[in-house]
Amino acid sequence: MADSSSTHRNDAIRTAAQEADIVALRDRLQLSIRRICPAWLAQHADDMIQTALMRVLAARGESDRGVRGGEGNQPVASSYLEKAAYSALVDEIRRQRRRREVSMEESFEAPTEQRATTNPERIAAGREIGRALLACLDRLVRARRLAVTLYLQGHSVPEAAALLAWTVKRTENLVFRGLADVRRCLTARGMTP
């Protein structure tokens, strides 16, 4: 019985030591990522820390099995942590940039399949509305123009806030006021719903 409790206690001590080691690794990675992370990606820092931590632990797992020829309990070199942090940052930047952006001009063009069956007058009217909308957007203050353009492209207010690195409340106000300005401008041009 004493042998079983001793084994159980040793396992508990080993598990506690491993957890403390993981916490220490996470803290070191957090410092590395926060140091190199640009402000526009700061909200994704925790995701990058987790990604880097998983990479480090996976590499240490290989080390534990003897694949790399080291001991799993050896301290991880700071240079390796920096490389893991940098790699996680680059992956996050690539992930953020992968989102395809559609320009406002492209979104006003009718698809080629519909052009043959759609009334030419309707196409001309749609283009005229599109040009008027672009002209009204150009008259907006830059911040409102950015917020309204993202909103019109289908982004929700929280998504637009994340893309612009603004607060949700600021973005919501800019979208609301910008849309009101666009409506007034379109009405002044004789275009009403």
Protein backbone atom coordinates (compact mmCIF):
# COMPACT_ATOMS: atom_id res chain seq x y z
CA MET A 1 0.00 0.00 0.00
CA ALA A 2 2.86 2.36 0.86
CA ASP A 3 4.41 1.64 -2.53
CA SER A 4 1.20 2.66 -4.34
CA SER A 5 0.84 5.93 -2.40
CA SER A 6 4.50 6.72 -3.00
CA THR A 7 4.04 6.19 -6.74
CA HIS A 8 0.89 8.31 -6.70
CA ARG A 9 2.70 11.10 -4.80
CA ASN A 10 5.64 10.99 -7.21
CA ASP A 11 3.25 11.21 -10.16
CA ALA A 12 1.51 14.20 -8.55
CA ILE A 13 4.83 15.93 -7.95
CA ARG A 14 5.95 15.23 -11.52
CA THR A 15 2.62 16.56 -12.89
CA ALA A 16 2.85 19.72 -10.75
CA ALA A 17 6.42 20.29 -11.94
CA GLN A 18 5.34 19.86 -15.58
CA GLU A 19 2.46 22.31 -15.12
CA ALA A 20 4.78 24.86 -13.52
CA ASP A 21 7.22 24.37 -16.40
CA ILE A 22 4.43 24.98 -18.94
CA VAL A 23 3.32 28.13 -17.12
CA ALA A 24 6.90 29.40 -17.12
CA LEU A 25 7.20 28.66 -20.86
CA ARG A 26 3.92 30.46 -21.52
CA ASP A 27 5.12 33.51 -19.58
CA ARG A 28 8.37 33.61 -21.55
CA LEU A 29 6.47 33.26 -24.85
CA GLN A 30 4.04 35.96 -23.79
CA LEU A 31 6.93 38.39 -23.26
CA SER A 32 8.41 37.47 -26.63
CA ILE A 33 5.16 37.87 -28.55
CA ARG A 34 4.10 41.09 -26.82
CA ARG A 35 7.52 42.55 -27.67
CA ILE A 36 7.24 41.83 -31.43
CA CYS A 37 3.47 42.03 -31.95
CA PRO A 38 2.28 45.11 -33.88
CA ALA A 39 -0.54 47.13 -32.33
CA TRP A 40 -3.04 46.16 -35.03
CA LEU A 41 -2.64 42.49 -34.03
CA ALA A 42 -2.61 42.98 -30.26
CA GLN A 43 -6.07 41.49 -29.88
CA HIS A 44 -4.77 38.21 -31.35
CA ALA A 45 -1.74 37.99 -29.06
CA ASP A 46 -3.26 35.25 -26.87
CA ASP A 47 -3.90 33.10 -29.95
CA MET A 48 -0.30 33.54 -31.05
CA ILE A 49 0.96 32.65 -27.56
CA GLN A 50 -1.09 29.44 -27.61
CA THR A 51 0.16 28.54 -31.10
CA ALA A 52 3.78 29.12 -30.13
CA LEU A 53 3.33 27.19 -26.87
CA MET A 54 1.88 24.20 -28.73
CA ARG A 55 4.86 24.24 -31.11
CA VAL A 56 7.35 24.34 -28.25
CA LEU A 57 5.57 21.57 -26.38
CA ALA A 58 5.37 19.45 -29.53
CA ALA A 59 9.11 19.90 -30.05
CA ARG A 60 9.74 18.97 -26.43
CA GLY A 61 7.49 15.94 -26.87
CA GLU A 62 9.75 14.79 -29.71
CA SER A 63 12.68 15.43 -27.41
CA ASP A 64 11.08 13.32 -24.66
CA ARG A 65 10.78 10.41 -27.09
CA GLY A 66 14.42 10.74 -28.08
CA VAL A 67 13.76 12.02 -31.61
CA ARG A 68 15.89 15.08 -31.06
CA GLY A 69 18.26 13.45 -28.70
CA GLY A 70 17.67 15.67 -25.67
CA GLU A 71 15.86 15.57 -22.38
CA GLY A 72 12.32 16.97 -22.10
CA ASN A 73 13.11 18.66 -18.79
CA GLN A 74 15.97 20.74 -20.18
CA PRO A 75 15.25 24.47 -20.34
CA VAL A 76 14.18 25.72 -23.75
CA ALA A 77 16.66 28.10 -25.34
CA SER A 78 15.52 31.71 -25.56
CA SER A 79 16.43 31.77 -29.24
CA TYR A 80 14.06 28.86 -29.88
CA LEU A 81 11.27 30.66 -28.03
CA GLU A 82 11.92 33.80 -30.08
CA LYS A 83 11.74 31.76 -33.28
CA ALA A 84 8.49 30.11 -32.16
CA ALA A 85 7.01 33.50 -31.26
CA TYR A 86 8.10 35.03 -34.58
CA SER A 87 6.72 32.06 -36.51
CA ALA A 88 3.35 32.35 -34.73
CA LEU A 89 3.27 36.08 -35.52
CA VAL A 90 4.01 35.51 -39.22
CA ASP A 91 1.32 32.82 -39.41
CA GLU A 92 -1.24 35.18 -37.83
CA ILE A 93 -0.34 38.00 -40.23
CA ARG A 94 -0.75 35.63 -43.17
CA ARG A 95 -4.08 34.42 -41.80
CA GLN A 96 -5.32 38.00 -41.45
CA ARG A 97 -4.22 38.95 -44.95
CA ARG A 98 -5.76 35.87 -46.56
CA ARG A 99 -9.21 37.40 -46.30
CA ARG A 100 -10.05 38.43 -49.83
CA GLU A 101 -10.97 42.06 -50.17
CA VAL A 102 -13.35 43.24 -52.87
CA SER A 103 -13.11 46.80 -54.06
CA MET A 104 -16.27 48.90 -54.21
CA GLU A 105 -15.97 49.15 -58.01
CA GLU A 106 -15.99 45.35 -58.37
CA SER A 107 -19.02 44.97 -56.16
CA PHE A 108 -21.11 47.31 -58.36
CA GLU A 109 -20.46 45.32 -61.51
CA ALA A 110 -23.20 42.85 -62.42
CA PRO A 111 -22.07 39.23 -62.84
CA THR A 112 -21.52 38.28 -66.49
CA GLU A 113 -24.22 35.58 -66.44
CA GLN A 114 -26.87 38.09 -65.43
CA ARG A 115 -25.88 40.75 -67.95
CA ALA A 116 -27.38 38.90 -70.89
CA THR A 117 -30.77 38.41 -69.21
CA THR A 118 -31.01 41.69 -67.28
CA ASN A 119 -32.64 44.78 -68.66
CA PRO A 120 -29.98 47.22 -69.97
CA GLU A 121 -31.83 50.16 -68.41
CA ARG A 122 -31.64 48.48 -65.03
CA ILE A 123 -27.90 47.91 -65.47
CA ALA A 124 -27.38 51.57 -66.40
CA ALA A 125 -29.44 52.71 -63.39
CA GLY A 126 -27.43 50.42 -61.10
CA ARG A 127 -24.17 51.84 -62.40
CA GLU A 128 -25.46 55.38 -61.93
CA ILE A 129 -26.40 54.58 -58.32
CA GLY A 130 -22.99 52.99 -57.80
CA ARG A 131 -21.18 56.07 -59.13
CA ALA A 132 -23.34 58.34 -56.96
CA LEU A 133 -22.64 56.18 -53.91
CA LEU A 134 -18.88 56.30 -54.57
CA ALA A 135 -19.06 60.08 -54.97
CA CYS A 136 -20.96 60.40 -51.68
CA LEU A 137 -18.46 58.10 -49.94
CA ASP A 138 -15.60 60.25 -51.24
CA ARG A 139 -17.17 63.30 -49.56
CA LEU A 140 -17.13 61.64 -46.12
CA VAL A 141 -14.44 62.24 -43.53
CA ARG A 142 -11.80 59.49 -43.81
CA ALA A 143 -12.78 57.67 -40.61
CA ARG A 144 -16.47 57.59 -41.56
CA ARG A 145 -15.61 56.55 -45.12
CA LEU A 146 -13.55 53.60 -43.88
CA ALA A 147 -16.20 52.44 -41.41
CA VAL A 148 -19.10 52.81 -43.89
CA THR A 149 -17.18 51.15 -46.73
CA LEU A 150 -16.44 48.08 -44.62
CA TYR A 151 -20.06 48.00 -43.46
CA LEU A 152 -21.36 48.23 -47.04
CA GLN A 153 -19.01 45.43 -48.07
CA GLY A 154 -20.78 43.17 -45.59
CA HIS A 155 -18.63 43.40 -42.48
CA SER A 156 -20.44 43.63 -39.18
CA VAL A 157 -19.63 46.55 -36.88
CA PRO A 158 -17.46 44.36 -34.58
CA GLU A 159 -15.58 42.97 -37.61
CA ALA A 160 -15.01 46.49 -38.98
CA ALA A 161 -13.83 47.61 -35.54
CA ALA A 162 -11.35 44.72 -35.44
CA LEU A 163 -10.06 45.45 -38.95
CA LEU A 164 -9.62 49.13 -38.19
CA ALA A 165 -8.28 48.57 -34.64
CA TRP A 166 -10.97 50.84 -33.20
CA THR A 167 -13.44 50.29 -30.40
CA VAL A 168 -16.81 48.82 -31.34
CA LYS A 169 -18.61 51.91 -30.00
CA ARG A 170 -16.50 54.30 -32.09
CA THR A 171 -17.02 52.18 -35.21
CA GLU A 172 -20.76 51.93 -34.54
CA ASN A 173 -21.02 55.73 -34.24
CA LEU A 174 -18.98 56.29 -37.40
CA VAL A 175 -21.09 53.81 -39.38
CA PHE A 176 -24.37 55.30 -38.12
CA ARG A 177 -23.35 58.90 -38.84
CA GLY A 178 -21.63 57.99 -42.10
CA LEU A 179 -24.72 56.18 -43.43
CA ALA A 180 -26.83 59.21 -42.48
CA ASP A 181 -24.42 61.44 -44.44
CA VAL A 182 -24.56 59.10 -47.45
CA ARG A 183 -28.39 59.10 -47.37
CA ARG A 184 -28.46 62.91 -47.31
CA CYS A 185 -25.96 63.09 -50.16
CA LEU A 186 -27.92 60.60 -52.29
CA THR A 187 -31.17 62.45 -51.58
CA ALA A 188 -29.52 65.72 -52.66
CA ARG A 189 -28.57 63.98 -55.92
CA GLY A 190 -32.19 62.98 -56.43
CA MET A 191 -31.79 59.32 -55.50
CA THR A 192 -34.29 58.12 -52.91
CA PRO A 193 -35.37 54.59 -52.07
